[in-house]
Amino acid sequence: MGKKGKEIVRANIDEVLKDLNAAYSDEWLAHFQYWFMAKWIKGMDADTLRPVLEEQSADELGHAGKIAERILQLGGRPVAHPAQLLEKCGCGFKEPTGNPTDLKQVIQDVLAAEACAIEFYNRMTEKYRATDIVTHELFEDLLKDEVSDEEEWERFGAGL
């Protein structure tokens, strides 16, 4: 990031990087969770949910990419080792239940992950509103995506 770009960030850069790496880790874990679920689920409605999970997985990976770009702009380094994703994340990772036909549980797990992301991005949007506009806008965009995702999954849950 250029000189002026750094000057306009009034937040503590180390704290911003810590928050961005937490978000980055959560997005990678969500990507993996949704990808795994898409491959793992079975049953009557699995063919309906599978492409949605695959699309969500790709979206979460895209989010991780955007966050990584901001981390690098600020002179930081995104989490580089998979084991550190669990250490740095805020929302965690929920391993799927033992029953691949329990699609209601899959939807509940996705909704829990989306709710956690919404809470986190809402806090981050407020936190950086006046101190780091670029990071604020990134978190705001991610918040909008997660709110939309939650609404979509609530519709799926109501349909099962």
N, C-alpha and C. Protein backbone atom coordinates (compact mmCIF):
# COMPACT_ATOMS: atom_id res chain seq x y z
N MET A 1 0.85 -1.16 0.00
CA MET A 1 0.00 0.00 0.00
C MET A 1 0.90 1.23 0.00
N GLY A 2 0.44 2.25 -0.68
CA GLY A 2 1.22 3.46 -0.79
C GLY A 2 1.24 4.29 0.47
N LYS A 3 2.07 5.30 0.45
CA LYS A 3 2.28 6.18 1.61
C LYS A 3 0.98 6.82 2.07
N LYS A 4 0.23 7.43 1.16
CA LYS A 4 -1.02 8.10 1.53
C LYS A 4 -2.05 7.09 2.02
N GLY A 5 -2.09 5.93 1.38
CA GLY A 5 -3.01 4.88 1.82
C GLY A 5 -2.76 4.46 3.25
N LYS A 6 -1.49 4.40 3.64
CA LYS A 6 -1.14 4.06 5.02
C LYS A 6 -1.48 5.20 5.97
N GLU A 7 -1.29 6.43 5.50
CA GLU A 7 -1.55 7.59 6.35
C GLU A 7 -3.02 7.71 6.76
N ILE A 8 -3.91 7.29 5.88
CA ILE A 8 -5.33 7.47 6.20
C ILE A 8 -5.88 6.41 7.14
N VAL A 9 -5.12 5.35 7.40
CA VAL A 9 -5.54 4.33 8.36
C VAL A 9 -5.18 4.84 9.76
N ARG A 10 -6.22 5.10 10.54
CA ARG A 10 -6.00 5.60 11.90
C ARG A 10 -6.12 4.49 12.95
N ALA A 11 -6.49 3.31 12.50
CA ALA A 11 -6.58 2.17 13.41
C ALA A 11 -5.20 1.58 13.63
N ASN A 12 -5.06 0.82 14.70
CA ASN A 12 -3.83 0.09 14.97
C ASN A 12 -3.71 -1.02 13.92
N ILE A 13 -2.68 -0.95 13.09
CA ILE A 13 -2.53 -1.90 11.97
C ILE A 13 -2.44 -3.34 12.47
N ASP A 14 -1.75 -3.58 13.56
CA ASP A 14 -1.64 -4.95 14.08
C ASP A 14 -3.02 -5.50 14.46
N GLU A 15 -3.85 -4.65 15.04
CA GLU A 15 -5.20 -5.07 15.41
C GLU A 15 -6.06 -5.31 14.17
N VAL A 16 -5.93 -4.45 13.17
CA VAL A 16 -6.67 -4.64 11.92
C VAL A 16 -6.25 -5.97 11.29
N LEU A 17 -4.96 -6.24 11.25
CA LEU A 17 -4.47 -7.48 10.66
C LEU A 17 -4.97 -8.70 11.43
N LYS A 18 -5.02 -8.60 12.75
CA LYS A 18 -5.53 -9.71 13.56
C LYS A 18 -6.99 -9.97 13.21
N ASP A 19 -7.80 -8.92 13.12
CA ASP A 19 -9.22 -9.08 12.79
C ASP A 19 -9.38 -9.61 11.36
N LEU A 20 -8.59 -9.11 10.44
CA LEU A 20 -8.66 -9.59 9.06
C LEU A 20 -8.25 -11.05 8.96
N ASN A 21 -7.23 -11.47 9.70
CA ASN A 21 -6.82 -12.87 9.67
C ASN A 21 -7.86 -13.78 10.32
N ALA A 22 -8.58 -13.27 11.31
CA ALA A 22 -9.68 -14.06 11.89
C ALA A 22 -10.77 -14.26 10.84
N ALA A 23 -11.12 -13.19 10.12
CA ALA A 23 -12.13 -13.29 9.07
C ALA A 23 -11.65 -14.21 7.95
N TYR A 24 -10.40 -14.05 7.56
CA TYR A 24 -9.80 -14.89 6.51
C TYR A 24 -9.88 -16.37 6.91
N SER A 25 -9.54 -16.67 8.15
CA SER A 25 -9.57 -18.05 8.64
C SER A 25 -11.00 -18.59 8.64
N ASP A 26 -11.95 -17.78 9.09
CA ASP A 26 -13.34 -18.22 9.10
C ASP A 26 -13.85 -18.49 7.69
N GLU A 27 -13.47 -17.65 6.74
CA GLU A 27 -13.94 -17.85 5.37
C GLU A 27 -13.34 -19.13 4.77
N TRP A 28 -12.06 -19.40 5.04
CA TRP A 28 -11.45 -20.65 4.55
C TRP A 28 -12.15 -21.86 5.16
N LEU A 29 -12.45 -21.79 6.46
CA LEU A 29 -13.10 -22.92 7.12
C LEU A 29 -14.53 -23.10 6.62
N ALA A 30 -15.23 -22.00 6.37
CA ALA A 30 -16.58 -22.09 5.82
C ALA A 30 -16.53 -22.69 4.41
N HIS A 31 -15.55 -22.25 3.63
CA HIS A 31 -15.36 -22.83 2.29
C HIS A 31 -15.21 -24.35 2.39
N PHE A 32 -14.35 -24.80 3.26
CA PHE A 32 -14.12 -26.24 3.40
C PHE A 32 -15.36 -26.94 3.92
N GLN A 33 -16.01 -26.37 4.92
CA GLN A 33 -17.20 -26.98 5.51
C GLN A 33 -18.29 -27.16 4.45
N TYR A 34 -18.56 -26.13 3.67
CA TYR A 34 -19.62 -26.20 2.67
C TYR A 34 -19.22 -27.15 1.53
N TRP A 35 -17.97 -27.12 1.13
CA TRP A 35 -17.49 -28.03 0.09
C TRP A 35 -17.64 -29.48 0.55
N PHE A 36 -17.20 -29.75 1.78
CA PHE A 36 -17.29 -31.10 2.32
C PHE A 36 -18.75 -31.56 2.38
N MET A 37 -19.61 -30.68 2.91
CA MET A 37 -21.03 -31.03 3.01
C MET A 37 -21.62 -31.35 1.63
N ALA A 38 -21.25 -30.58 0.63
CA ALA A 38 -21.76 -30.80 -0.73
C ALA A 38 -21.40 -32.20 -1.23
N LYS A 39 -20.23 -32.67 -0.90
CA LYS A 39 -19.78 -34.00 -1.33
C LYS A 39 -20.39 -35.10 -0.47
N TRP A 40 -20.71 -34.81 0.77
CA TRP A 40 -21.06 -35.79 1.79
C TRP A 40 -22.55 -36.09 1.87
N ILE A 41 -23.40 -35.10 1.61
CA ILE A 41 -24.84 -35.28 1.84
C ILE A 41 -25.45 -36.30 0.89
N LYS A 42 -26.53 -36.94 1.36
CA LYS A 42 -27.28 -37.94 0.61
C LYS A 42 -28.76 -37.74 0.90
N GLY A 43 -29.57 -38.35 0.08
CA GLY A 43 -31.00 -38.33 0.35
C GLY A 43 -31.79 -37.61 -0.73
N MET A 44 -33.10 -37.55 -0.50
CA MET A 44 -34.01 -37.01 -1.51
C MET A 44 -33.71 -35.58 -1.92
N ASP A 45 -33.44 -34.72 -0.98
CA ASP A 45 -33.21 -33.31 -1.29
C ASP A 45 -31.73 -32.96 -1.45
N ALA A 46 -30.86 -33.95 -1.37
CA ALA A 46 -29.43 -33.68 -1.47
C ALA A 46 -29.07 -33.06 -2.81
N ASP A 47 -29.71 -33.51 -3.87
CA ASP A 47 -29.40 -32.96 -5.20
C ASP A 47 -29.84 -31.51 -5.33
N THR A 48 -30.78 -31.08 -4.52
CA THR A 48 -31.20 -29.68 -4.50
C THR A 48 -30.20 -28.83 -3.72
N LEU A 49 -29.74 -29.35 -2.60
CA LEU A 49 -28.82 -28.59 -1.74
C LEU A 49 -27.38 -28.59 -2.24
N ARG A 50 -26.99 -29.67 -2.89
CA ARG A 50 -25.58 -29.82 -3.30
C ARG A 50 -25.07 -28.63 -4.12
N PRO A 51 -25.74 -28.21 -5.19
CA PRO A 51 -25.20 -27.08 -5.96
C PRO A 51 -25.19 -25.77 -5.17
N VAL A 52 -26.11 -25.62 -4.24
CA VAL A 52 -26.13 -24.41 -3.42
C VAL A 52 -24.92 -24.41 -2.48
N LEU A 53 -24.64 -25.56 -1.90
CA LEU A 53 -23.45 -25.67 -1.04
C LEU A 53 -22.17 -25.44 -1.84
N GLU A 54 -22.12 -25.97 -3.04
CA GLU A 54 -20.94 -25.76 -3.88
C GLU A 54 -20.76 -24.29 -4.23
N GLU A 55 -21.86 -23.61 -4.54
CA GLU A 55 -21.78 -22.18 -4.84
C GLU A 55 -21.36 -21.38 -3.62
N GLN A 56 -21.93 -21.73 -2.46
CA GLN A 56 -21.56 -21.05 -1.22
C GLN A 56 -20.09 -21.27 -0.90
N SER A 57 -19.61 -22.48 -1.14
CA SER A 57 -18.21 -22.79 -0.91
C SER A 57 -17.32 -21.88 -1.75
N ALA A 58 -17.67 -21.74 -3.01
CA ALA A 58 -16.89 -20.86 -3.91
C ALA A 58 -16.98 -19.40 -3.45
N ASP A 59 -18.15 -18.98 -2.99
CA ASP A 59 -18.31 -17.60 -2.50
C ASP A 59 -17.41 -17.35 -1.29
N GLU A 60 -17.37 -18.31 -0.37
CA GLU A 60 -16.55 -18.14 0.83
C GLU A 60 -15.07 -18.09 0.47
N LEU A 61 -14.66 -18.88 -0.50
CA LEU A 61 -13.28 -18.83 -0.96
C LEU A 61 -12.99 -17.46 -1.58
N GLY A 62 -13.94 -16.93 -2.32
CA GLY A 62 -13.79 -15.58 -2.87
C GLY A 62 -13.66 -14.53 -1.79
N HIS A 63 -14.43 -14.69 -0.72
CA HIS A 63 -14.31 -13.77 0.42
C HIS A 63 -12.90 -13.84 1.01
N ALA A 64 -12.40 -15.06 1.17
CA ALA A 64 -11.04 -15.22 1.72
C ALA A 64 -10.02 -14.50 0.83
N GLY A 65 -10.22 -14.58 -0.47
CA GLY A 65 -9.31 -13.90 -1.40
C GLY A 65 -9.34 -12.39 -1.23
N LYS A 66 -10.52 -11.82 -1.09
CA LYS A 66 -10.64 -10.37 -0.88
C LYS A 66 -9.98 -9.94 0.42
N ILE A 67 -10.18 -10.74 1.45
CA ILE A 67 -9.58 -10.42 2.75
C ILE A 67 -8.06 -10.53 2.67
N ALA A 68 -7.56 -11.56 1.97
CA ALA A 68 -6.12 -11.72 1.80
C ALA A 68 -5.52 -10.50 1.10
N GLU A 69 -6.21 -9.99 0.10
CA GLU A 69 -5.73 -8.80 -0.60
C GLU A 69 -5.58 -7.62 0.36
N ARG A 70 -6.55 -7.44 1.23
CA ARG A 70 -6.47 -6.32 2.19
C ARG A 70 -5.34 -6.55 3.19
N ILE A 71 -5.17 -7.77 3.64
CA ILE A 71 -4.07 -8.08 4.55
C ILE A 71 -2.74 -7.71 3.91
N LEU A 72 -2.57 -8.09 2.66
CA LEU A 72 -1.33 -7.79 1.95
C LEU A 72 -1.16 -6.29 1.72
N GLN A 73 -2.24 -5.57 1.42
CA GLN A 73 -2.17 -4.12 1.25
C GLN A 73 -1.63 -3.45 2.51
N LEU A 74 -2.03 -3.99 3.66
CA LEU A 74 -1.62 -3.40 4.94
C LEU A 74 -0.23 -3.88 5.38
N GLY A 75 0.42 -4.69 4.55
CA GLY A 75 1.76 -5.15 4.87
C GLY A 75 1.79 -6.39 5.73
N GLY A 76 0.64 -7.06 5.87
CA GLY A 76 0.57 -8.27 6.68
C GLY A 76 0.71 -9.52 5.83
N ARG A 77 0.50 -10.63 6.48
CA ARG A 77 0.60 -11.93 5.83
C ARG A 77 -0.61 -12.76 6.22
N PRO A 78 -1.38 -13.22 5.23
CA PRO A 78 -2.51 -14.08 5.57
C PRO A 78 -2.02 -15.38 6.21
N VAL A 79 -2.87 -15.97 7.02
CA VAL A 79 -2.57 -17.26 7.62
C VAL A 79 -2.16 -18.21 6.49
N ALA A 80 -1.01 -18.86 6.66
CA ALA A 80 -0.45 -19.68 5.59
C ALA A 80 -0.50 -21.18 5.87
N HIS A 81 -0.76 -21.57 7.11
CA HIS A 81 -0.77 -22.99 7.45
C HIS A 81 -2.18 -23.40 7.87
N PRO A 82 -2.71 -24.48 7.30
CA PRO A 82 -4.08 -24.89 7.61
C PRO A 82 -4.37 -25.07 9.11
N ALA A 83 -3.42 -25.56 9.86
CA ALA A 83 -3.65 -25.76 11.29
C ALA A 83 -3.89 -24.43 12.01
N GLN A 84 -3.31 -23.36 11.49
CA GLN A 84 -3.49 -22.06 12.11
C GLN A 84 -4.86 -21.46 11.85
N LEU A 85 -5.56 -21.95 10.84
CA LEU A 85 -6.91 -21.44 10.56
C LEU A 85 -7.81 -21.62 11.79
N LEU A 86 -7.73 -22.79 12.41
CA LEU A 86 -8.55 -23.05 13.61
C LEU A 86 -8.10 -22.19 14.79
N GLU A 87 -6.82 -21.91 14.86
CA GLU A 87 -6.30 -21.08 15.96
C GLU A 87 -6.71 -19.62 15.83
N LYS A 88 -6.78 -19.13 14.61
CA LYS A 88 -7.00 -17.70 14.37
C LYS A 88 -8.48 -17.34 14.15
N CYS A 89 -9.31 -18.33 13.85
CA CYS A 89 -10.70 -18.06 13.48
C CYS A 89 -11.52 -17.59 14.68
N GLY A 90 -12.66 -17.02 14.38
CA GLY A 90 -13.57 -16.59 15.44
C GLY A 90 -14.81 -17.46 15.51
N CYS A 91 -15.25 -17.96 14.37
CA CYS A 91 -16.49 -18.74 14.33
C CYS A 91 -16.26 -20.24 14.44
N GLY A 92 -15.08 -20.68 14.15
CA GLY A 92 -14.76 -22.09 14.30
C GLY A 92 -15.22 -22.95 13.14
N PHE A 93 -15.18 -24.23 13.37
CA PHE A 93 -15.54 -25.22 12.35
C PHE A 93 -16.38 -26.29 13.02
N LYS A 94 -17.54 -26.57 12.45
CA LYS A 94 -18.40 -27.61 12.98
C LYS A 94 -18.36 -28.80 12.04
N GLU A 95 -17.85 -29.89 12.53
CA GLU A 95 -17.81 -31.11 11.74
C GLU A 95 -19.24 -31.60 11.53
N PRO A 96 -19.58 -32.04 10.32
CA PRO A 96 -20.94 -32.52 10.07
C PRO A 96 -21.30 -33.71 10.95
N THR A 97 -22.60 -33.86 11.16
CA THR A 97 -23.08 -34.99 11.96
C THR A 97 -22.71 -36.30 11.29
N GLY A 98 -22.95 -37.39 11.96
CA GLY A 98 -22.64 -38.69 11.40
C GLY A 98 -23.64 -39.18 10.37
N ASN A 99 -24.71 -38.44 10.15
CA ASN A 99 -25.77 -38.88 9.25
C ASN A 99 -25.84 -37.97 8.03
N PRO A 100 -25.37 -38.43 6.86
CA PRO A 100 -25.38 -37.58 5.67
C PRO A 100 -26.77 -37.32 5.09
N THR A 101 -27.80 -38.00 5.62
CA THR A 101 -29.17 -37.75 5.15
C THR A 101 -29.90 -36.74 6.03
N ASP A 102 -29.28 -36.29 7.11
CA ASP A 102 -29.91 -35.32 8.01
C ASP A 102 -29.69 -33.91 7.46
N LEU A 103 -30.44 -33.59 6.42
CA LEU A 103 -30.25 -32.31 5.74
C LEU A 103 -30.71 -31.14 6.57
N LYS A 104 -31.67 -31.37 7.47
CA LYS A 104 -32.09 -30.29 8.38
C LYS A 104 -30.92 -29.87 9.27
N GLN A 105 -30.16 -30.84 9.74
CA GLN A 105 -28.99 -30.51 10.56
C GLN A 105 -27.94 -29.77 9.75
N VAL A 106 -27.75 -30.18 8.51
CA VAL A 106 -26.80 -29.49 7.63
C VAL A 106 -27.21 -28.03 7.49
N ILE A 107 -28.49 -27.79 7.25
CA ILE A 107 -28.98 -26.42 7.11
C ILE A 107 -28.81 -25.65 8.41
N GLN A 108 -29.09 -26.28 9.54
CA GLN A 108 -28.90 -25.62 10.84
C GLN A 108 -27.43 -25.26 11.06
N ASP A 109 -26.53 -26.14 10.66
CA ASP A 109 -25.10 -25.87 10.80
C ASP A 109 -24.68 -24.69 9.91
N VAL A 110 -25.21 -24.65 8.69
CA VAL A 110 -24.90 -23.53 7.79
C VAL A 110 -25.46 -22.23 8.38
N LEU A 111 -26.68 -22.28 8.88
CA LEU A 111 -27.28 -21.08 9.47
C LEU A 111 -26.49 -20.59 10.69
N ALA A 112 -25.99 -21.51 11.48
CA ALA A 112 -25.17 -21.12 12.64
C ALA A 112 -23.88 -20.44 12.18
N ALA A 113 -23.27 -20.97 11.14
CA ALA A 113 -22.04 -20.36 10.61
C ALA A 113 -22.33 -18.99 10.04
N GLU A 114 -23.43 -18.85 9.30
CA GLU A 114 -23.79 -17.56 8.73
C GLU A 114 -24.10 -16.54 9.84
N ALA A 115 -24.79 -16.97 10.88
CA ALA A 115 -25.12 -16.07 12.00
C ALA A 115 -23.85 -15.56 12.68
N CYS A 116 -22.90 -16.45 12.87
CA CYS A 116 -21.64 -16.04 13.49
C CYS A 116 -20.92 -15.03 12.60
N ALA A 117 -20.89 -15.28 11.30
CA ALA A 117 -20.24 -14.36 10.36
C ALA A 117 -20.94 -13.00 10.38
N ILE A 118 -22.26 -13.01 10.42
CA ILE A 118 -23.01 -11.75 10.46
C ILE A 118 -22.66 -10.96 11.71
N GLU A 119 -22.65 -11.62 12.84
CA GLU A 119 -22.30 -10.94 14.10
C GLU A 119 -20.88 -10.36 14.03
N PHE A 120 -19.94 -11.16 13.54
CA PHE A 120 -18.55 -10.71 13.46
C PHE A 120 -18.40 -9.53 12.51
N TYR A 121 -18.95 -9.64 11.30
CA TYR A 121 -18.81 -8.57 10.32
C TYR A 121 -19.55 -7.31 10.75
N ASN A 122 -20.64 -7.45 11.45
CA ASN A 122 -21.33 -6.28 11.98
C ASN A 122 -20.45 -5.55 12.99
N ARG A 123 -19.83 -6.30 13.89
CA ARG A 123 -18.91 -5.69 14.87
C ARG A 123 -17.74 -5.01 14.18
N MET A 124 -17.17 -5.68 13.18
CA MET A 124 -16.01 -5.13 12.48
C MET A 124 -16.39 -3.88 11.66
N THR A 125 -17.56 -3.88 11.08
CA THR A 125 -18.02 -2.71 10.33
C THR A 125 -18.09 -1.50 11.25
N GLU A 126 -18.65 -1.70 12.43
CA GLU A 126 -18.73 -0.60 13.40
C GLU A 126 -17.34 -0.21 13.91
N LYS A 127 -16.52 -1.19 14.17
CA LYS A 127 -15.20 -0.94 14.75
C LYS A 127 -14.33 -0.07 13.84
N TYR A 128 -14.40 -0.30 12.53
CA TYR A 128 -13.50 0.39 11.61
C TYR A 128 -14.18 1.50 10.80
N ARG A 129 -15.41 1.83 11.17
CA ARG A 129 -16.17 2.85 10.45
C ARG A 129 -15.42 4.16 10.30
N ALA A 130 -14.78 4.62 11.35
CA ALA A 130 -14.13 5.94 11.31
C ALA A 130 -12.60 5.88 11.31
N THR A 131 -12.04 4.67 11.39
CA THR A 131 -10.58 4.58 11.52
C THR A 131 -9.88 3.90 10.35
N ASP A 132 -10.61 3.14 9.55
CA ASP A 132 -10.03 2.47 8.39
C ASP A 132 -11.17 2.22 7.39
N ILE A 133 -11.41 3.20 6.54
CA ILE A 133 -12.56 3.16 5.64
C ILE A 133 -12.48 1.98 4.67
N VAL A 134 -11.31 1.65 4.17
CA VAL A 134 -11.19 0.55 3.21
C VAL A 134 -11.56 -0.78 3.87
N THR A 135 -11.02 -1.02 5.06
CA THR A 135 -11.36 -2.24 5.79
C THR A 135 -12.83 -2.23 6.17
N HIS A 136 -13.34 -1.08 6.59
CA HIS A 136 -14.75 -0.94 6.92
C HIS A 136 -15.62 -1.37 5.74
N GLU A 137 -15.31 -0.86 4.55
CA GLU A 137 -16.11 -1.19 3.37
C GLU A 137 -16.00 -2.66 2.99
N LEU A 138 -14.84 -3.24 3.17
CA LEU A 138 -14.68 -4.67 2.92
C LEU A 138 -15.60 -5.46 3.85
N PHE A 139 -15.53 -5.14 5.14
CA PHE A 139 -16.37 -5.85 6.10
C PHE A 139 -17.86 -5.60 5.82
N GLU A 140 -18.19 -4.40 5.39
CA GLU A 140 -19.58 -4.08 5.06
C GLU A 140 -20.07 -4.92 3.87
N ASP A 141 -19.24 -5.05 2.84
CA ASP A 141 -19.60 -5.88 1.69
C ASP A 141 -19.78 -7.34 2.09
N LEU A 142 -18.88 -7.83 2.94
CA LEU A 142 -18.99 -9.21 3.40
C LEU A 142 -20.25 -9.40 4.24
N LEU A 143 -20.57 -8.42 5.06
CA LEU A 143 -21.78 -8.47 5.88
C LEU A 143 -23.02 -8.58 4.99
N LYS A 144 -23.08 -7.78 3.94
CA LYS A 144 -24.22 -7.85 3.02
C LYS A 144 -24.35 -9.24 2.41
N ASP A 145 -23.24 -9.83 1.99
CA ASP A 145 -23.26 -11.17 1.41
C ASP A 145 -23.77 -12.21 2.41
N GLU A 146 -23.29 -12.13 3.64
CA GLU A 146 -23.67 -13.11 4.65
C GLU A 146 -25.15 -12.97 5.03
N VAL A 147 -25.65 -11.74 5.09
CA VAL A 147 -27.07 -11.53 5.38
C VAL A 147 -27.93 -12.16 4.27
N SER A 148 -27.52 -11.98 3.04
CA SER A 148 -28.23 -12.56 1.91
C SER A 148 -28.17 -14.09 1.96
N ASP A 149 -27.01 -14.63 2.30
CA ASP A 149 -26.86 -16.08 2.41
C ASP A 149 -27.76 -16.65 3.49
N GLU A 150 -27.81 -15.98 4.63
CA GLU A 150 -28.66 -16.45 5.73
C GLU A 150 -30.12 -16.52 5.28
N GLU A 151 -30.57 -15.50 4.58
CA GLU A 151 -31.95 -15.47 4.10
C GLU A 151 -32.23 -16.66 3.17
N GLU A 152 -31.29 -16.93 2.27
CA GLU A 152 -31.44 -18.06 1.35
C GLU A 152 -31.55 -19.38 2.10
N TRP A 153 -30.69 -19.57 3.11
CA TRP A 153 -30.70 -20.82 3.86
C TRP A 153 -31.93 -20.95 4.73
N GLU A 154 -32.45 -19.84 5.22
CA GLU A 154 -33.70 -19.91 5.99
C GLU A 154 -34.84 -20.39 5.10
N ARG A 155 -34.85 -19.97 3.83
CA ARG A 155 -35.87 -20.45 2.89
C ARG A 155 -35.73 -21.96 2.66
N PHE A 156 -34.49 -22.42 2.52
CA PHE A 156 -34.29 -23.87 2.35
C PHE A 156 -34.78 -24.63 3.58
N GLY A 157 -34.46 -24.10 4.74
CA GLY A 157 -34.87 -24.76 5.99
C GLY A 157 -36.38 -24.84 6.12
N ALA A 158 -37.06 -23.81 5.69
CA ALA A 158 -38.53 -23.80 5.77
C ALA A 158 -39.14 -24.80 4.79
N GLY A 159 -38.41 -25.07 3.70
CA GLY A 159 -38.92 -25.98 2.68
C GLY A 159 -38.73 -27.45 2.97
N LEU A 160 -37.93 -27.76 3.96
CA LEU A 160 -37.68 -29.19 4.27
C LEU A 160 -38.62 -29.70 5.35
